[in-house]
Amino acid sequence: MNTALREHHHRPNRTALVAVSAVLCCTVAGCGSSSNAADEPRRSTPSARTSSTPAQLSPAEAVRTATRRLQQATSIRVTLNVTAPGKKELFTSADMAFKPFSMSREDVDLAGADETTGSADSRSKRVVDRVVYTQVDGNAPWVKQGRSGPLEGGWDQLADRMLENPMGPSTPPAKIDGLRKTGTESLRNAETTRYRGTVTVAALRAELAAVKDRTQRADRTRRIAKYEALGIKQFTLELWIDTDGLLRQYVMRGTSPAGPFAMGLAYDGIDSGFSIDPPAPDQITDPAADSGGSGA
């Protein structure tokens, strides 16, 4: 079923966003390291149960299969949380569809969120038919910014750039050292198996040789150079895979002399078949048209 993402549906509920952010932020911050179950209200305690998804699969194969399905996704809903020393915490929620690419994204200022109402300042961006629209808050008009550059490929090629992810990559690396199963957990109403391993920055650099897309390779090269300059040597990775073999959450943590870095991605709605519409015409301001120009 192909359900259009209509105008009044595109903006996630702010209270829900803040609630989801608390879950993802806790995961990114490593709340699971506590032995007190009360510190982990979002998860069940790991048990001896075996998820049906990774059954018959090694941890490496389970993660490799889930990563491949992420890369092949035709549509996805994702939340991104990034924390870095001296930087404002980033929380982004986006609906993305591929081939052709379209996106509805909202960036939320968690630092200014009202703890009682869940309201928070935000800015939005929508891309439909390569036309870019932006909105500074929910009551402002959408501004037509013109056309984007080429948007070819799928999640692996476009996620980092379109989410403006300052860390990443948003796709798990091909090789994870010491990968092991650490238990099963209930995550956003799905039973998942949790895995943990590590990857060195040197290994991330070595993987660049396999990246065929020039823009993607250049972006990842800059990102890795930044990690190296900051003195980050290694990242700890955690991944949650559900009983359908889909990656539901991915967390990447590292440390530097300046402090800790962490990225968390939560995935939902993989291949759910939604589409994304542009804003309603009466809600769009077109500066190029207003000035008599021809647009970008």
C-alpha atoms as a PDB file:
ATOM      1  CA  MET A   1       0.000   0.000   0.000  1.00  0.00           C
ATOM      2  CA  ASN A   2       1.475   3.342  -1.042  1.00  0.00           C
ATOM      3  CA  THR A   3       0.243   5.961   1.385  1.00  0.00           C
ATOM      4  CA  ALA A   4       1.221   9.554   0.585  1.00  0.00           C
ATOM      5  CA  LEU A   5       2.803  11.512   3.389  1.00  0.00           C
ATOM      6  CA  ARG A   6       0.347  14.399   3.344  1.00  0.00           C
ATOM      7  CA  GLU A   7       0.966  17.930   4.555  1.00  0.00           C
ATOM      8  CA  HIS A   8      -0.692  17.518   7.934  1.00  0.00           C
ATOM      9  CA  HIS A   9       1.187  14.281   8.573  1.00  0.00           C
ATOM     10  CA  HIS A  10       4.731  15.319   7.710  1.00  0.00           C
ATOM     11  CA  ARG A  11       5.641  16.939  11.020  1.00  0.00           C
ATOM     12  CA  PRO A  12       6.301  14.476  13.855  1.00  0.00           C
ATOM     13  CA  ASN A  13       4.503  15.144  17.115  1.00  0.00           C
ATOM     14  CA  ARG A  14       6.858  17.222  19.253  1.00  0.00           C
ATOM     15  CA  THR A  15       6.018  15.395  22.466  1.00  0.00           C
ATOM     16  CA  ALA A  16       6.710  12.088  20.714  1.00  0.00           C
ATOM     17  CA  LEU A  17       9.959  13.437  19.306  1.00  0.00           C
ATOM     18  CA  VAL A  18      11.181  14.491  22.724  1.00  0.00           C
ATOM     19  CA  ALA A  19      10.171  11.100  24.166  1.00  0.00           C
ATOM     20  CA  VAL A  20      11.943   9.205  21.378  1.00  0.00           C
ATOM     21  CA  SER A  21      14.963  11.449  21.784  1.00  0.00           C
ATOM     22  CA  ALA A  22      15.172  10.549  25.473  1.00  0.00           C
ATOM     23  CA  VAL A  23      15.379   6.870  24.518  1.00  0.00           C
ATOM     24  CA  LEU A  24      17.976   7.402  21.804  1.00  0.00           C
ATOM     25  CA  CYS A  25      19.978   9.914  23.829  1.00  0.00           C
ATOM     26  CA  CYS A  26      20.098   7.493  26.770  1.00  0.00           C
ATOM     27  CA  THR A  27      21.347   4.758  24.459  1.00  0.00           C
ATOM     28  CA  VAL A  28      23.948   7.057  22.896  1.00  0.00           C
ATOM     29  CA  ALA A  29      25.068   8.170  26.346  1.00  0.00           C
ATOM     30  CA  GLY A  30      25.584   4.553  27.367  1.00  0.00           C
ATOM     31  CA  CYS A  31      22.826   4.258  29.953  1.00  0.00           C
ATOM     32  CA  GLY A  32      22.908   0.496  29.379  1.00  0.00           C
ATOM     33  CA  SER A  33      26.201   0.327  31.266  1.00  0.00           C
ATOM     34  CA  SER A  34      24.289   0.678  34.514  1.00  0.00           C
ATOM     35  CA  SER A  35      23.393  -2.505  36.334  1.00  0.00           C
ATOM     36  CA  ASN A  36      20.241  -0.931  37.703  1.00  0.00           C
ATOM     37  CA  ALA A  37      17.235  -1.894  35.594  1.00  0.00           C
ATOM     38  CA  ALA A  38      15.487   1.284  36.725  1.00  0.00           C
ATOM     39  CA  ASP A  39      18.021   3.247  34.664  1.00  0.00           C
ATOM     40  CA  GLU A  40      16.782   1.486  31.502  1.00  0.00           C
ATOM     41  CA  PRO A  41      12.995   1.954  31.315  1.00  0.00           C
ATOM     42  CA  ARG A  42      13.043   1.705  27.536  1.00  0.00           C
ATOM     43  CA  ARG A  43      14.519  -1.800  27.373  1.00  0.00           C
ATOM     44  CA  SER A  44      13.955  -5.209  28.833  1.00  0.00           C
ATOM     45  CA  THR A  45      16.796  -6.869  30.669  1.00  0.00           C
ATOM     46  CA  PRO A  46      18.850  -9.097  28.304  1.00  0.00           C
ATOM     47  CA  SER A  47      17.786 -12.685  28.710  1.00  0.00           C
ATOM     48  CA  ALA A  48      18.741 -16.127  27.533  1.00  0.00           C
ATOM     49  CA  ARG A  49      16.008 -16.110  24.882  1.00  0.00           C
ATOM     50  CA  THR A  50      17.225 -16.435  21.319  1.00  0.00           C
ATOM     51  CA  SER A  51      15.676 -14.154  18.703  1.00  0.00           C
ATOM     52  CA  SER A  52      14.334 -15.974  15.669  1.00  0.00           C
ATOM     53  CA  THR A  53      16.111 -13.567  13.330  1.00  0.00           C
ATOM     54  CA  PRO A  54      19.768 -14.366  13.998  1.00  0.00           C
ATOM     55  CA  ALA A  55      19.062 -18.060  14.515  1.00  0.00           C
ATOM     56  CA  GLN A  56      21.352 -20.119  12.319  1.00  0.00           C
ATOM     57  CA  LEU A  57      23.425 -16.972  11.614  1.00  0.00           C
ATOM     58  CA  SER A  58      26.711 -15.916  13.114  1.00  0.00           C
ATOM     59  CA  PRO A  59      26.816 -12.372  14.548  1.00  0.00           C
ATOM     60  CA  ALA A  60      28.840 -11.239  11.528  1.00  0.00           C
ATOM     61  CA  GLU A  61      26.326 -12.700   9.064  1.00  0.00           C
ATOM     62  CA  ALA A  62      23.316 -11.337  10.968  1.00  0.00           C
ATOM     63  CA  VAL A  63      24.790  -7.817  10.930  1.00  0.00           C
ATOM     64  CA  ARG A  64      25.941  -8.114   7.313  1.00  0.00           C
ATOM     65  CA  THR A  65      22.461  -9.217   6.187  1.00  0.00           C
ATOM     66  CA  ALA A  66      20.702  -6.446   8.141  1.00  0.00           C
ATOM     67  CA  THR A  67      23.119  -3.852   6.757  1.00  0.00           C
ATOM     68  CA  ARG A  68      22.499  -5.039   3.205  1.00  0.00           C
ATOM     69  CA  ARG A  69      18.732  -4.679   3.689  1.00  0.00           C
ATOM     70  CA  LEU A  70      19.266  -1.154   5.015  1.00  0.00           C
ATOM     71  CA  GLN A  71      21.328  -0.270   1.955  1.00  0.00           C
ATOM     72  CA  GLN A  72      18.608  -1.656  -0.331  1.00  0.00           C
ATOM     73  CA  ALA A  73      15.695   0.086   1.434  1.00  0.00           C
ATOM     74  CA  THR A  74      13.193   1.855  -0.813  1.00  0.00           C
ATOM     75  CA  SER A  75      11.865   3.956   2.077  1.00  0.00           C
ATOM     76  CA  ILE A  76      12.801   4.495   5.715  1.00  0.00           C
ATOM     77  CA  ARG A  77      11.989   6.561   8.787  1.00  0.00           C
ATOM     78  CA  VAL A  78      15.068   7.439  10.814  1.00  0.00           C
ATOM     79  CA  THR A  79      16.037   9.444  13.872  1.00  0.00           C
ATOM     80  CA  LEU A  80      19.600  10.656  14.387  1.00  0.00           C
ATOM     81  CA  ASN A  81      21.195  11.844  17.622  1.00  0.00           C
ATOM     82  CA  VAL A  82      24.780  13.133  17.724  1.00  0.00           C
ATOM     83  CA  THR A  83      26.788  14.481  20.665  1.00  0.00           C
ATOM     84  CA  ALA A  84      30.320  15.872  20.395  1.00  0.00           C
ATOM     85  CA  PRO A  85      32.557  17.999  22.637  1.00  0.00           C
ATOM     86  CA  GLY A  86      31.809  21.700  22.356  1.00  0.00           C
ATOM     87  CA  LYS A  87      28.939  21.129  19.912  1.00  0.00           C
ATOM     88  CA  LYS A  88      25.222  21.578  20.276  1.00  0.00           C
ATOM     89  CA  GLU A  89      23.439  18.234  20.542  1.00  0.00           C
ATOM     90  CA  LEU A  90      21.826  17.267  17.246  1.00  0.00           C
ATOM     91  CA  PHE A  91      18.491  15.480  16.986  1.00  0.00           C
ATOM     92  CA  THR A  92      16.992  14.892  13.555  1.00  0.00           C
ATOM     93  CA  SER A  93      13.936  12.947  12.420  1.00  0.00           C
ATOM     94  CA  ALA A  94      13.444  12.174   8.730  1.00  0.00           C
ATOM     95  CA  ASP A  95      11.269  10.229   6.311  1.00  0.00           C
ATOM     96  CA  MET A  96      13.238   9.255   3.219  1.00  0.00           C
ATOM     97  CA  ALA A  97      12.205   7.504   0.003  1.00  0.00           C
ATOM     98  CA  PHE A  98      14.619   6.484  -2.741  1.00  0.00           C
ATOM     99  CA  LYS A  99      14.672   6.124  -6.539  1.00  0.00           C
ATOM    100  CA  PRO A 100      13.552   8.838  -6.989  1.00  0.00           C
ATOM    101  CA  PHE A 101      14.770  10.468  -3.797  1.00  0.00           C
ATOM    102  CA  SER A 102      12.454  12.523  -1.586  1.00  0.00           C
ATOM    103  CA  MET A 103      12.697  13.539   2.048  1.00  0.00           C
ATOM    104  CA  SER A 104      10.818  15.230   4.865  1.00  0.00           C
ATOM    105  CA  ARG A 105      13.184  16.152   7.718  1.00  0.00           C
ATOM    106  CA  GLU A 106      12.869  17.971  11.021  1.00  0.00           C
ATOM    107  CA  ASP A 107      15.760  19.112  13.217  1.00  0.00           C
ATOM    108  CA  VAL A 108      14.777  19.667  16.837  1.00  0.00           C
ATOM    109  CA  ASP A 109      16.505  21.815  19.449  1.00  0.00           C
ATOM    110  CA  LEU A 110      16.384  19.481  22.429  1.00  0.00           C
ATOM    111  CA  ALA A 111      18.223  21.927  24.681  1.00  0.00           C
ATOM    112  CA  GLY A 112      15.260  24.281  24.530  1.00  0.00           C
ATOM    113  CA  ALA A 113      12.518  21.642  24.865  1.00  0.00           C
ATOM    114  CA  ASP A 114       9.789  22.293  27.418  1.00  0.00           C
ATOM    115  CA  GLU A 115       9.882  19.381  29.869  1.00  0.00           C
ATOM    116  CA  THR A 116       6.171  19.743  30.639  1.00  0.00           C
ATOM    117  CA  THR A 117       4.650  20.165  27.172  1.00  0.00           C
ATOM    118  CA  GLY A 118       7.361  18.543  25.074  1.00  0.00           C
ATOM    119  CA  SER A 119       7.392  21.556  22.741  1.00  0.00           C
ATOM    120  CA  ALA A 120      10.700  22.473  21.144  1.00  0.00           C
ATOM    121  CA  ASP A 121      12.050  24.791  18.464  1.00  0.00           C
ATOM    122  CA  SER A 122      12.711  23.139  15.146  1.00  0.00           C
ATOM    123  CA  ARG A 123      13.525  23.688  11.505  1.00  0.00           C
ATOM    124  CA  SER A 124      12.288  21.561   8.628  1.00  0.00           C
ATOM    125  CA  LYS A 125      13.486  20.617   5.173  1.00  0.00           C
ATOM    126  CA  ARG A 126      11.679  18.843   2.384  1.00  0.00           C
ATOM    127  CA  VAL A 127      13.015  17.586  -0.937  1.00  0.00           C
ATOM    128  CA  VAL A 128      10.563  16.467  -3.625  1.00  0.00           C
ATOM    129  CA  ASP A 129      11.449  16.078  -7.327  1.00  0.00           C
ATOM    130  CA  ARG A 130      14.840  17.639  -6.420  1.00  0.00           C
ATOM    131  CA  VAL A 131      13.127  20.863  -5.323  1.00  0.00           C
ATOM    132  CA  VAL A 132      14.208  21.946  -1.841  1.00  0.00           C
ATOM    133  CA  TYR A 133      11.840  23.611   0.643  1.00  0.00           C
ATOM    134  CA  THR A 134      12.774  24.883   4.112  1.00  0.00           C
ATOM    135  CA  GLN A 135      10.779  26.091   7.102  1.00  0.00           C
ATOM    136  CA  VAL A 136      12.177  27.759  10.225  1.00  0.00           C
ATOM    137  CA  ASP A 137       9.289  26.714  12.490  1.00  0.00           C
ATOM    138  CA  GLY A 138       5.843  25.177  12.317  1.00  0.00           C
ATOM    139  CA  ASN A 139       4.001  28.474  11.864  1.00  0.00           C
ATOM    140  CA  ALA A 140       6.235  29.978   9.189  1.00  0.00           C
ATOM    141  CA  PRO A 141       5.709  29.551   5.438  1.00  0.00           C
ATOM    142  CA  TRP A 142       7.802  27.095   3.490  1.00  0.00           C
ATOM    143  CA  VAL A 143      10.523  28.754   1.421  1.00  0.00           C
ATOM    144  CA  LYS A 144      11.319  27.310  -1.993  1.00  0.00           C
ATOM    145  CA  GLN A 145      15.114  27.215  -2.234  1.00  0.00           C
ATOM    146  CA  GLY A 146      15.450  25.991  -5.800  1.00  0.00           C
ATOM    147  CA  ARG A 147      16.697  22.680  -7.157  1.00  0.00           C
ATOM    148  CA  SER A 148      19.225  20.410  -5.526  1.00  0.00           C
ATOM    149  CA  GLY A 149      22.132  18.734  -7.242  1.00  0.00           C
ATOM    150  CA  PRO A 150      21.917  15.106  -8.408  1.00  0.00           C
ATOM    151  CA  LEU A 151      20.409  12.744  -5.829  1.00  0.00           C
ATOM    152  CA  GLU A 152      21.283   9.329  -7.190  1.00  0.00           C
ATOM    153  CA  GLY A 153      21.553   6.129  -5.200  1.00  0.00           C
ATOM    154  CA  GLY A 154      20.058   4.769  -2.011  1.00  0.00           C
ATOM    155  CA  TRP A 155      20.623   4.941   1.726  1.00  0.00           C
ATOM    156  CA  ASP A 156      24.336   4.213   1.549  1.00  0.00           C
ATOM    157  CA  GLN A 157      24.996   7.020  -0.954  1.00  0.00           C
ATOM    158  CA  LEU A 158      22.621   9.692   0.379  1.00  0.00           C
ATOM    159  CA  ALA A 159      22.025   9.252   4.114  1.00  0.00           C
ATOM    160  CA  ASP A 160      25.052  11.084   5.517  1.00  0.00           C
ATOM    161  CA  ARG A 161      24.646  14.042   3.158  1.00  0.00           C
ATOM    162  CA  MET A 162      20.873  14.455   3.393  1.00  0.00           C
ATOM    163  CA  LEU A 163      20.771  13.996   7.167  1.00  0.00           C
ATOM    164  CA  GLU A 164      23.782  16.347   7.439  1.00  0.00           C
ATOM    165  CA  ASN A 165      25.252  13.816   9.826  1.00  0.00           C
ATOM    166  CA  PRO A 166      28.447  15.288  11.349  1.00  0.00           C
ATOM    167  CA  MET A 167      29.619  11.813  12.393  1.00  0.00           C
ATOM    168  CA  GLY A 168      28.936   8.550  10.642  1.00  0.00           C
ATOM    169  CA  PRO A 169      29.010   6.783   8.355  1.00  0.00           C
ATOM    170  CA  SER A 170      25.282   6.220   8.897  1.00  0.00           C
ATOM    171  CA  THR A 171      25.788   2.662   7.594  1.00  0.00           C
ATOM    172  CA  PRO A 172      27.625   0.124   9.804  1.00  0.00           C
ATOM    173  CA  PRO A 173      31.135  -0.752   8.559  1.00  0.00           C
ATOM    174  CA  ALA A 174      31.714  -3.906   6.548  1.00  0.00           C
ATOM    175  CA  LYS A 175      34.008  -5.429   9.167  1.00  0.00           C
ATOM    176  CA  ILE A 176      33.458  -5.158  12.929  1.00  0.00           C
ATOM    177  CA  ASP A 177      36.073  -6.549  15.281  1.00  0.00           C
ATOM    178  CA  GLY A 178      35.081  -8.765  18.195  1.00  0.00           C
ATOM    179  CA  LEU A 179      31.432  -8.786  17.159  1.00  0.00           C
ATOM    180  CA  ARG A 180      29.310 -10.727  19.630  1.00  0.00           C
ATOM    181  CA  LYS A 181      25.721 -11.169  20.737  1.00  0.00           C
ATOM    182  CA  THR A 182      25.025  -9.521  24.105  1.00  0.00           C
ATOM    183  CA  GLY A 183      21.357 -10.415  24.662  1.00  0.00           C
ATOM    184  CA  THR A 184      17.791  -9.808  23.516  1.00  0.00           C
ATOM    185  CA  GLU A 185      15.758  -6.679  24.194  1.00  0.00           C
ATOM    186  CA  SER A 186      12.380  -5.155  23.486  1.00  0.00           C
ATOM    187  CA  LEU A 187      12.967  -1.987  21.489  1.00  0.00           C
ATOM    188  CA  ARG A 188      10.074   0.192  20.280  1.00  0.00           C
ATOM    189  CA  ASN A 189       7.642  -2.732  20.483  1.00  0.00           C
ATOM    190  CA  ALA A 190       9.969  -5.054  18.567  1.00  0.00           C
ATOM    191  CA  GLU A 191      11.961  -7.985  19.892  1.00  0.00           C
ATOM    192  CA  THR A 192      15.594  -7.491  18.975  1.00  0.00           C
ATOM    193  CA  THR A 193      18.974  -9.130  19.367  1.00  0.00           C
ATOM    194  CA  ARG A 194      21.742  -6.799  20.481  1.00  0.00           C
ATOM    195  CA  TYR A 195      25.313  -7.022  19.159  1.00  0.00           C
ATOM    196  CA  ARG A 196      28.504  -5.260  20.191  1.00  0.00           C
ATOM    197  CA  GLY A 197      31.930  -4.859  18.595  1.00  0.00           C
ATOM    198  CA  THR A 198      34.587  -2.306  17.672  1.00  0.00           C
ATOM    199  CA  VAL A 199      36.081  -0.689  14.591  1.00  0.00           C
ATOM    200  CA  THR A 200      39.290   1.312  14.327  1.00  0.00           C
ATOM    201  CA  VAL A 201      39.533   4.587  12.428  1.00  0.00           C
ATOM    202  CA  ALA A 202      42.299   2.944  10.398  1.00  0.00           C
ATOM    203  CA  ALA A 203      39.808   0.238   9.320  1.00  0.00           C
ATOM    204  CA  LEU A 204      37.277   2.892   8.294  1.00  0.00           C
ATOM    205  CA  ARG A 205      39.952   4.502   6.142  1.00  0.00           C
ATOM    206  CA  ALA A 206      40.806   1.132   4.581  1.00  0.00           C
ATOM    207  CA  GLU A 207      37.136   0.685   3.583  1.00  0.00           C
ATOM    208  CA  LEU A 208      37.269   3.861   1.457  1.00  0.00           C
ATOM    209  CA  ALA A 209      38.809   1.849  -1.391  1.00  0.00           C
ATOM    210  CA  ALA A 210      35.492   0.007  -1.815  1.00  0.00           C
ATOM    211  CA  VAL A 211      33.370   3.196  -2.005  1.00  0.00           C
ATOM    212  CA  LYS A 212      32.627   3.764  -5.704  1.00  0.00           C
ATOM    213  CA  ASP A 213      30.591   6.968  -5.458  1.00  0.00           C
ATOM    214  CA  ARG A 214      33.062   9.886  -5.660  1.00  0.00           C
ATOM    215  CA  THR A 215      30.974  12.304  -3.600  1.00  0.00           C
ATOM    216  CA  GLN A 216      30.370   9.697  -0.918  1.00  0.00           C
ATOM    217  CA  ARG A 217      34.055   8.748  -0.847  1.00  0.00           C
ATOM    218  CA  ALA A 218      35.168  12.381  -0.567  1.00  0.00           C
ATOM    219  CA  ASP A 219      32.706  13.011   2.252  1.00  0.00           C
ATOM    220  CA  ARG A 220      33.842   9.944   4.202  1.00  0.00           C
ATOM    221  CA  THR A 221      37.501  10.831   3.605  1.00  0.00           C
ATOM    222  CA  ARG A 222      36.961  14.259   5.188  1.00  0.00           C
ATOM    223  CA  ARG A 223      35.093  12.674   8.089  1.00  0.00           C
ATOM    224  CA  ILE A 224      37.860  10.151   8.789  1.00  0.00           C
ATOM    225  CA  ALA A 225      40.530  12.850   8.529  1.00  0.00           C
ATOM    226  CA  LYS A 226      38.629  14.773  11.185  1.00  0.00           C
ATOM    227  CA  TYR A 227      38.569  11.725  13.471  1.00  0.00           C
ATOM    228  CA  GLU A 228      42.306  11.287  12.984  1.00  0.00           C
ATOM    229  CA  ALA A 229      42.980  14.965  13.710  1.00  0.00           C
ATOM    230  CA  LEU A 230      40.944  14.720  16.913  1.00  0.00           C
ATOM    231  CA  GLY A 231      42.948  11.731  18.079  1.00  0.00           C
ATOM    232  CA  ILE A 232      40.110   9.184  17.910  1.00  0.00           C
ATOM    233  CA  LYS A 233      41.566   5.709  17.417  1.00  0.00           C
ATOM    234  CA  GLN A 234      38.591   3.384  17.778  1.00  0.00           C
ATOM    235  CA  PHE A 235      34.803   3.300  18.032  1.00  0.00           C
ATOM    236  CA  THR A 236      32.608   0.926  20.004  1.00  0.00           C
ATOM    237  CA  LEU A 237      29.561  -0.154  17.999  1.00  0.00           C
ATOM    238  CA  GLU A 238      26.202  -1.549  19.137  1.00  0.00           C
ATOM    239  CA  LEU A 239      23.487  -2.818  16.815  1.00  0.00           C
ATOM    240  CA  TRP A 240      19.922  -4.039  17.419  1.00  0.00           C
ATOM    241  CA  ILE A 241      18.344  -6.399  14.835  1.00  0.00           C
ATOM    242  CA  ASP A 242      14.685  -7.418  14.972  1.00  0.00           C
ATOM    243  CA  THR A 243      13.079 -10.782  14.253  1.00  0.00           C
ATOM    244  CA  ASP A 244      12.540  -9.792  10.593  1.00  0.00           C
ATOM    245  CA  GLY A 245      16.276  -9.321  10.205  1.00  0.00           C
ATOM    246  CA  LEU A 246      16.013  -5.523  10.037  1.00  0.00           C
ATOM    247  CA  LEU A 247      18.441  -3.161  11.737  1.00  0.00           C
ATOM    248  CA  ARG A 248      16.420  -1.145  14.265  1.00  0.00           C
ATOM    249  CA  GLN A 249      19.146   0.819  16.038  1.00  0.00           C
ATOM    250  CA  TYR A 250      22.851   1.565  15.578  1.00  0.00           C
ATOM    251  CA  VAL A 251      25.096   3.364  18.071  1.00  0.00           C
ATOM    252  CA  MET A 252      28.714   4.428  17.525  1.00  0.00           C
ATOM    253  CA  ARG A 253      30.847   5.803  20.398  1.00  0.00           C
ATOM    254  CA  GLY A 254      34.420   7.048  20.540  1.00  0.00           C
ATOM    255  CA  THR A 255      36.661   9.143  22.768  1.00  0.00           C
ATOM    256  CA  SER A 256      39.206  11.857  22.057  1.00  0.00           C
ATOM    257  CA  PRO A 257      41.360  14.151  24.210  1.00  0.00           C
ATOM    258  CA  ALA A 258      38.567  16.724  23.829  1.00  0.00           C
ATOM    259  CA  GLY A 259      35.904  14.353  25.149  1.00  0.00           C
ATOM    260  CA  PRO A 260      33.421  11.684  23.995  1.00  0.00           C
ATOM    261  CA  PHE A 261      31.750  11.451  20.603  1.00  0.00           C
ATOM    262  CA  ALA A 262      28.552   9.485  20.054  1.00  0.00           C
ATOM    263  CA  MET A 263      26.075   8.866  17.253  1.00  0.00           C
ATOM    264  CA  GLY A 264      22.781   6.993  17.461  1.00  0.00           C
ATOM    265  CA  LEU A 265      20.457   6.067  14.605  1.00  0.00           C
ATOM    266  CA  ALA A 266      17.021   4.499  15.080  1.00  0.00           C
ATOM    267  CA  TYR A 267      15.408   2.971  11.976  1.00  0.00           C
ATOM    268  CA  ASP A 268      11.702   2.328  11.386  1.00  0.00           C
ATOM    269  CA  GLY A 269       9.358   1.877   8.449  1.00  0.00           C
ATOM    270  CA  ILE A 270      11.911   0.179   6.210  1.00  0.00           C
ATOM    271  CA  ASP A 271      10.217  -0.537   2.855  1.00  0.00           C
ATOM    272  CA  SER A 272       6.858   0.625   4.223  1.00  0.00           C
ATOM    273  CA  GLY A 273       6.017   2.204   0.875  1.00  0.00           C
ATOM    274  CA  PHE A 274       5.144   5.794   1.787  1.00  0.00           C
ATOM    275  CA  SER A 275       5.640   8.766  -0.518  1.00  0.00           C
ATOM    276  CA  ILE A 276       6.353  12.399   0.280  1.00  0.00           C
ATOM    277  CA  ASP A 277       4.442  15.364  -1.126  1.00  0.00           C
ATOM    278  CA  PRO A 278       5.655  18.950  -1.457  1.00  0.00           C
ATOM    279  CA  PRO A 279       4.121  21.549   0.871  1.00  0.00           C
ATOM    280  CA  ALA A 280       0.698  22.872  -0.112  1.00  0.00           C
ATOM    281  CA  PRO A 281       1.035  25.654  -2.731  1.00  0.00           C
ATOM    282  CA  ASP A 282      -0.605  28.246  -0.477  1.00  0.00           C
ATOM    283  CA  GLN A 283       2.060  27.568   2.179  1.00  0.00           C
ATOM    284  CA  ILE A 284       5.061  28.168  -0.106  1.00  0.00           C
ATOM    285  CA  THR A 285       7.023  31.383  -0.609  1.00  0.00           C
ATOM    286  CA  ASP A 286       9.208  31.470  -3.729  1.00  0.00           C
ATOM    287  CA  PRO A 287      11.832  34.272  -3.478  1.00  0.00           C
ATOM    288  CA  ALA A 288      12.947  33.726  -7.087  1.00  0.00           C
ATOM    289  CA  ALA A 289       9.415  34.144  -8.404  1.00  0.00           C
ATOM    290  CA  ASP A 290       8.772  37.131  -6.126  1.00  0.00           C
ATOM    291  CA  SER A 291      11.862  38.880  -7.484  1.00  0.00           C
ATOM    292  CA  GLY A 292      11.047  37.992 -11.076  1.00  0.00           C
ATOM    293  CA  GLY A 293      13.898  35.474 -11.328  1.00  0.00           C
ATOM    294  CA  SER A 294      13.765  32.088 -12.966  1.00  0.00           C
ATOM    295  CA  GLY A 295      14.785  30.016  -9.910  1.00  0.00           C
ATOM    296  CA  ALA A 296      17.825  27.871  -9.174  1.00  0.00           C
END
